[in-house]
Amino acid sequence: MTPRQKFDTDRLPERPHLEYETELWAQGVHWVAGVDEAGRGALAGPVAAGAVILPYGQLDLMDRLQGVRDSKVMTPADRTFWAAKIKAAAYVWGVGMATAKEIDRLGILPATRLAAVRALDKLGLSAEHILIDYLTLPEIPIPQTPLVKGDARSLTIASAAILAKTARDAILVEMEGSFPGYAFAYNKGYATVAHRQAIEVLGPCSQHRRTFAPISAYDSLFPPEKNRG
């Protein structure tokens, strides 16, 4: 396996598989962590990352996690259901976050990497290899394989994506109560028409990413010191 390998997206498998993991297990690399993020393109809330190590050599994982897919094509109910199955099947798992303020201070790519490092730290053991959805983590001295569309190709990455997505969605649902009017429970911080209209009326709140262009456009109308929340 080589980093940044090209992949024809028209040839995506029917479901994420264990081919990359099995190849590494056969080489004696047992602790293979899958890593993926959620919320990178949102206007509000944290960016989340999941990290999962599945038990090596257990090929029945394909049956036990048969409903795991690319999280973006799953319904919220399916993601919630399979998140519980993933946690039960995983050897270890973790979710890390980087806040909206950290995103503004660091930039979205470094903040995403920070969330991924925090997720890996929560595993409680050092991974021997990382399968990651396209990104790399230069600050982590562990061999890594970045995969284009990794959450559609690797069961471990797909599992990490589902944990990141469900954890982040739960936070946005909670934010709805603290920051009413933005429909965070519905839009999860993404740039829906209704969300952008709410920002035009209410201005950004403290959970909005002020360095993102749709938010920074309102700075002159809603200075930071007058933000809601």
Protein backbone atom coordinates (compact mmCIF):
# COMPACT_ATOMS: atom_id res chain seq x y z
CA MET A 1 0.00 0.00 0.00
CA THR A 2 1.37 3.40 -0.92
CA PRO A 3 0.23 6.81 0.33
CA ARG A 4 -1.97 8.96 -1.87
CA GLN A 5 -2.68 6.08 -4.21
CA LYS A 6 -4.99 6.96 -7.06
CA PHE A 7 -8.45 5.45 -7.07
CA ASP A 8 -11.21 5.39 -9.65
CA THR A 9 -14.27 6.48 -7.64
CA ASP A 10 -16.52 4.78 -10.20
CA ARG A 11 -15.17 1.50 -8.84
CA LEU A 12 -16.13 1.95 -5.20
CA PRO A 13 -17.01 -1.35 -3.51
CA GLU A 14 -20.59 -2.15 -2.61
CA ARG A 15 -19.69 -1.72 1.06
CA PRO A 16 -16.55 -0.97 3.10
CA HIS A 17 -14.33 -4.04 3.46
CA LEU A 18 -11.36 -5.33 5.43
CA GLU A 19 -8.84 -5.78 2.62
CA TYR A 20 -6.43 -3.10 3.87
CA GLU A 21 -6.74 -4.28 7.45
CA THR A 22 -6.27 -7.94 6.50
CA GLU A 23 -3.11 -7.13 4.52
CA LEU A 24 -1.64 -5.34 7.53
CA TRP A 25 -2.69 -8.07 9.96
CA ALA A 26 -0.92 -10.61 7.75
CA GLN A 27 2.25 -8.56 8.11
CA GLY A 28 1.98 -8.75 11.91
CA VAL A 29 0.56 -5.24 12.28
CA HIS A 30 -2.26 -5.87 14.73
CA TRP A 31 -3.36 -2.44 15.97
CA VAL A 32 -4.72 -0.81 12.82
CA ALA A 33 -6.62 2.40 13.57
CA GLY A 34 -9.19 3.84 11.22
CA VAL A 35 -9.61 7.61 11.45
CA ASP A 36 -12.15 9.95 9.86
CA GLU A 37 -13.73 13.35 10.55
CA ALA A 38 -17.18 14.90 10.59
CA GLY A 39 -18.24 18.53 10.42
CA ARG A 40 -15.30 19.94 8.52
CA GLY A 41 -17.51 21.93 6.15
CA ALA A 42 -20.06 23.17 8.67
CA LEU A 43 -20.50 26.82 9.62
CA ALA A 44 -20.95 26.15 13.34
CA GLY A 45 -19.95 23.74 16.06
CA PRO A 46 -16.83 21.64 16.48
CA VAL A 47 -15.11 19.43 13.98
CA ALA A 48 -15.07 15.85 15.21
CA ALA A 49 -12.84 12.88 14.48
CA GLY A 50 -13.33 9.23 15.27
CA ALA A 51 -10.65 6.59 15.78
CA VAL A 52 -11.39 2.87 15.85
CA ILE A 53 -9.24 -0.25 16.19
CA LEU A 54 -11.10 -3.42 15.30
CA PRO A 55 -9.97 -6.77 16.74
CA TYR A 56 -7.36 -8.16 14.37
CA GLY A 57 -7.99 -11.37 12.52
CA GLN A 58 -11.73 -11.48 13.22
CA LEU A 59 -13.11 -11.70 9.70
CA ASP A 60 -16.65 -12.20 11.03
CA LEU A 61 -16.55 -8.42 11.59
CA MET A 62 -17.93 -8.08 8.05
CA ASP A 63 -21.04 -9.92 9.25
CA ARG A 64 -21.23 -8.27 12.67
CA LEU A 65 -20.96 -4.80 11.08
CA GLN A 66 -22.86 -5.62 7.91
CA GLY A 67 -24.87 -2.38 7.95
CA VAL A 68 -21.86 -0.07 8.20
CA ARG A 69 -21.52 2.13 5.14
CA ASP A 70 -20.13 5.52 4.22
CA SER A 71 -21.81 7.60 6.95
CA LYS A 72 -23.01 10.17 4.41
CA VAL A 73 -25.35 7.66 2.76
CA MET A 74 -26.79 6.34 6.03
CA THR A 75 -29.88 7.70 7.79
CA PRO A 76 -29.48 9.23 11.27
CA ALA A 77 -31.32 6.26 12.78
CA ASP A 78 -29.03 3.79 11.01
CA ARG A 79 -25.93 5.70 12.13
CA THR A 80 -27.13 5.64 15.74
CA PHE A 81 -27.92 1.93 15.58
CA TRP A 82 -24.60 0.95 14.03
CA ALA A 83 -22.59 3.29 16.25
CA ALA A 84 -23.62 1.11 19.20
CA LYS A 85 -22.66 -2.03 17.27
CA ILE A 86 -19.29 -0.53 16.36
CA LYS A 87 -18.53 0.36 19.99
CA ALA A 88 -19.40 -3.18 21.04
CA ALA A 89 -17.29 -4.79 18.30
CA ALA A 90 -14.25 -2.48 18.48
CA TYR A 91 -11.17 -3.38 20.46
CA VAL A 92 -10.89 0.32 21.38
CA TRP A 93 -12.44 3.49 20.04
CA GLY A 94 -12.29 7.23 20.69
CA VAL A 95 -13.77 10.52 19.51
CA GLY A 96 -11.95 13.85 19.59
CA MET A 97 -13.18 17.38 18.95
CA ALA A 98 -11.75 20.77 18.04
CA THR A 99 -13.96 23.70 18.95
CA ALA A 100 -15.18 26.53 16.73
CA LYS A 101 -12.72 28.87 18.46
CA GLU A 102 -9.86 26.45 17.77
CA ILE A 103 -10.94 26.24 14.15
CA ASP A 104 -10.85 30.05 13.89
CA ARG A 105 -7.46 30.23 15.59
CA LEU A 106 -5.74 27.35 13.79
CA GLY A 107 -7.59 26.97 10.51
CA ILE A 108 -9.88 24.11 9.59
CA LEU A 109 -7.22 21.66 8.38
CA PRO A 110 -4.96 21.95 11.47
CA ALA A 111 -8.06 21.83 13.69
CA THR A 112 -9.24 18.67 11.94
CA ARG A 113 -5.85 17.10 12.54
CA LEU A 114 -6.02 18.22 16.19
CA ALA A 115 -9.38 16.46 16.58
CA ALA A 116 -7.90 13.32 15.00
CA VAL A 117 -4.91 13.36 17.36
CA ARG A 118 -7.28 13.75 20.32
CA ALA A 119 -9.34 10.80 19.09
CA LEU A 120 -6.22 8.64 18.81
CA ASP A 121 -5.13 9.71 22.28
CA LYS A 122 -8.41 8.39 23.65
CA LEU A 123 -7.74 4.89 22.39
CA GLY A 124 -5.52 4.14 25.34
CA LEU A 125 -2.94 2.30 23.22
CA SER A 126 -0.64 3.21 20.37
CA ALA A 127 -1.82 2.24 16.93
CA GLU A 128 0.78 0.50 14.75
CA HIS A 129 -0.72 1.80 11.52
CA ILE A 130 -3.37 4.38 10.66
CA LEU A 131 -5.86 4.10 7.82
CA ILE A 132 -7.25 7.58 7.31
CA ASP A 133 -9.71 9.18 4.92
CA TYR A 134 -7.30 11.08 2.65
CA LEU A 135 -5.69 13.29 5.33
CA THR A 136 -2.30 12.65 6.87
CA LEU A 137 -1.20 13.43 10.42
CA PRO A 138 2.40 14.64 10.14
CA GLU A 139 2.66 15.14 13.90
CA ILE A 140 1.98 11.43 14.53
CA PRO A 141 5.09 9.23 14.00
CA ILE A 142 3.05 6.20 12.97
CA PRO A 143 2.86 4.70 9.44
CA GLN A 144 -0.26 5.97 7.68
CA THR A 145 -2.24 5.09 4.58
CA PRO A 146 -4.47 7.93 3.36
CA LEU A 147 -7.31 6.60 1.21
CA VAL A 148 -9.49 8.59 -1.15
CA LYS A 149 -13.11 7.80 -0.22
CA GLY A 150 -11.70 5.80 2.65
CA ASP A 151 -15.03 5.68 4.47
CA ALA A 152 -16.50 3.80 1.50
CA ARG A 153 -13.54 1.41 1.21
CA SER A 154 -12.31 0.51 4.68
CA LEU A 155 -14.59 -0.88 7.37
CA THR A 156 -12.37 0.60 10.08
CA ILE A 157 -12.45 4.09 8.56
CA ALA A 158 -16.20 3.85 7.97
CA SER A 159 -16.68 2.87 11.61
CA ALA A 160 -14.62 5.85 12.76
CA ALA A 161 -16.66 8.17 10.54
CA ILE A 162 -19.93 6.96 12.04
CA LEU A 163 -18.68 7.51 15.59
CA ALA A 164 -17.46 10.99 14.71
CA LYS A 165 -20.72 11.89 12.99
CA THR A 166 -23.04 10.61 15.72
CA ALA A 167 -20.99 12.26 18.49
CA ARG A 168 -20.94 15.59 16.69
CA ASP A 169 -24.64 15.44 15.83
CA ALA A 170 -25.46 14.88 19.51
CA ILE A 171 -23.53 18.03 20.41
CA LEU A 172 -25.39 20.09 17.81
CA VAL A 173 -28.73 18.81 19.10
CA GLU A 174 -27.74 19.99 22.58
CA MET A 175 -26.64 23.35 21.17
CA GLU A 176 -30.19 23.92 19.92
CA GLY A 177 -31.30 24.56 23.51
CA SER A 178 -28.51 27.03 24.24
CA PHE A 179 -28.65 28.84 20.92
CA PRO A 180 -32.28 28.83 19.73
CA GLY A 181 -33.22 30.19 16.36
CA TYR A 182 -30.51 28.55 14.25
CA ALA A 183 -32.14 25.08 14.05
CA PHE A 184 -28.86 23.36 14.95
CA ALA A 185 -30.72 20.15 15.80
CA TYR A 186 -31.93 20.04 12.20
CA ASN A 187 -29.05 21.45 10.13
CA LYS A 188 -26.17 20.29 12.37
CA GLY A 189 -24.40 23.58 11.69
CA TYR A 190 -24.26 23.20 7.92
CA ALA A 191 -25.07 26.02 5.51
CA THR A 192 -28.73 25.30 4.78
CA VAL A 193 -30.84 28.15 3.45
CA ALA A 194 -32.73 28.40 6.75
CA HIS A 195 -29.48 28.48 8.74
CA ARG A 196 -28.04 31.28 6.62
CA GLN A 197 -31.27 33.23 6.89
CA ALA A 198 -31.15 32.86 10.68
CA ILE A 199 -27.61 34.26 10.72
CA GLU A 200 -28.78 37.26 8.67
CA VAL A 201 -31.46 38.01 11.27
CA LEU A 202 -29.76 36.99 14.51
CA GLY A 203 -26.10 37.38 13.66
CA PRO A 204 -23.54 34.70 14.46
CA CYS A 205 -23.41 33.08 17.89
CA SER A 206 -20.29 32.00 19.76
CA GLN A 207 -20.49 28.56 18.16
CA HIS A 208 -20.15 29.92 14.62
CA ARG A 209 -16.82 29.76 12.82
CA ARG A 210 -16.15 33.43 12.24
CA THR A 211 -13.29 32.86 9.81
CA PHE A 212 -15.57 31.00 7.40
CA ALA A 213 -16.63 33.28 4.56
CA PRO A 214 -20.42 33.05 5.07
CA ILE A 215 -19.93 34.13 8.70
CA SER A 216 -17.15 36.71 8.29
CA ALA A 217 -19.38 38.56 5.83
CA TYR A 218 -21.56 39.61 8.78
CA ASP A 219 -18.71 40.97 10.93
CA SER A 220 -19.47 44.60 10.17
CA LEU A 221 -23.13 44.13 11.08
CA PHE A 222 -22.57 41.89 14.11
CA PRO A 223 -19.23 42.62 15.82
CA PRO A 224 -17.86 39.72 17.90
CA GLU A 225 -18.55 41.49 21.20
CA LYS A 226 -22.24 41.55 20.33
CA ASN A 227 -22.51 37.90 19.37
CA ARG A 228 -25.35 35.89 20.79
CA GLY A 229 -24.03 33.54 23.42
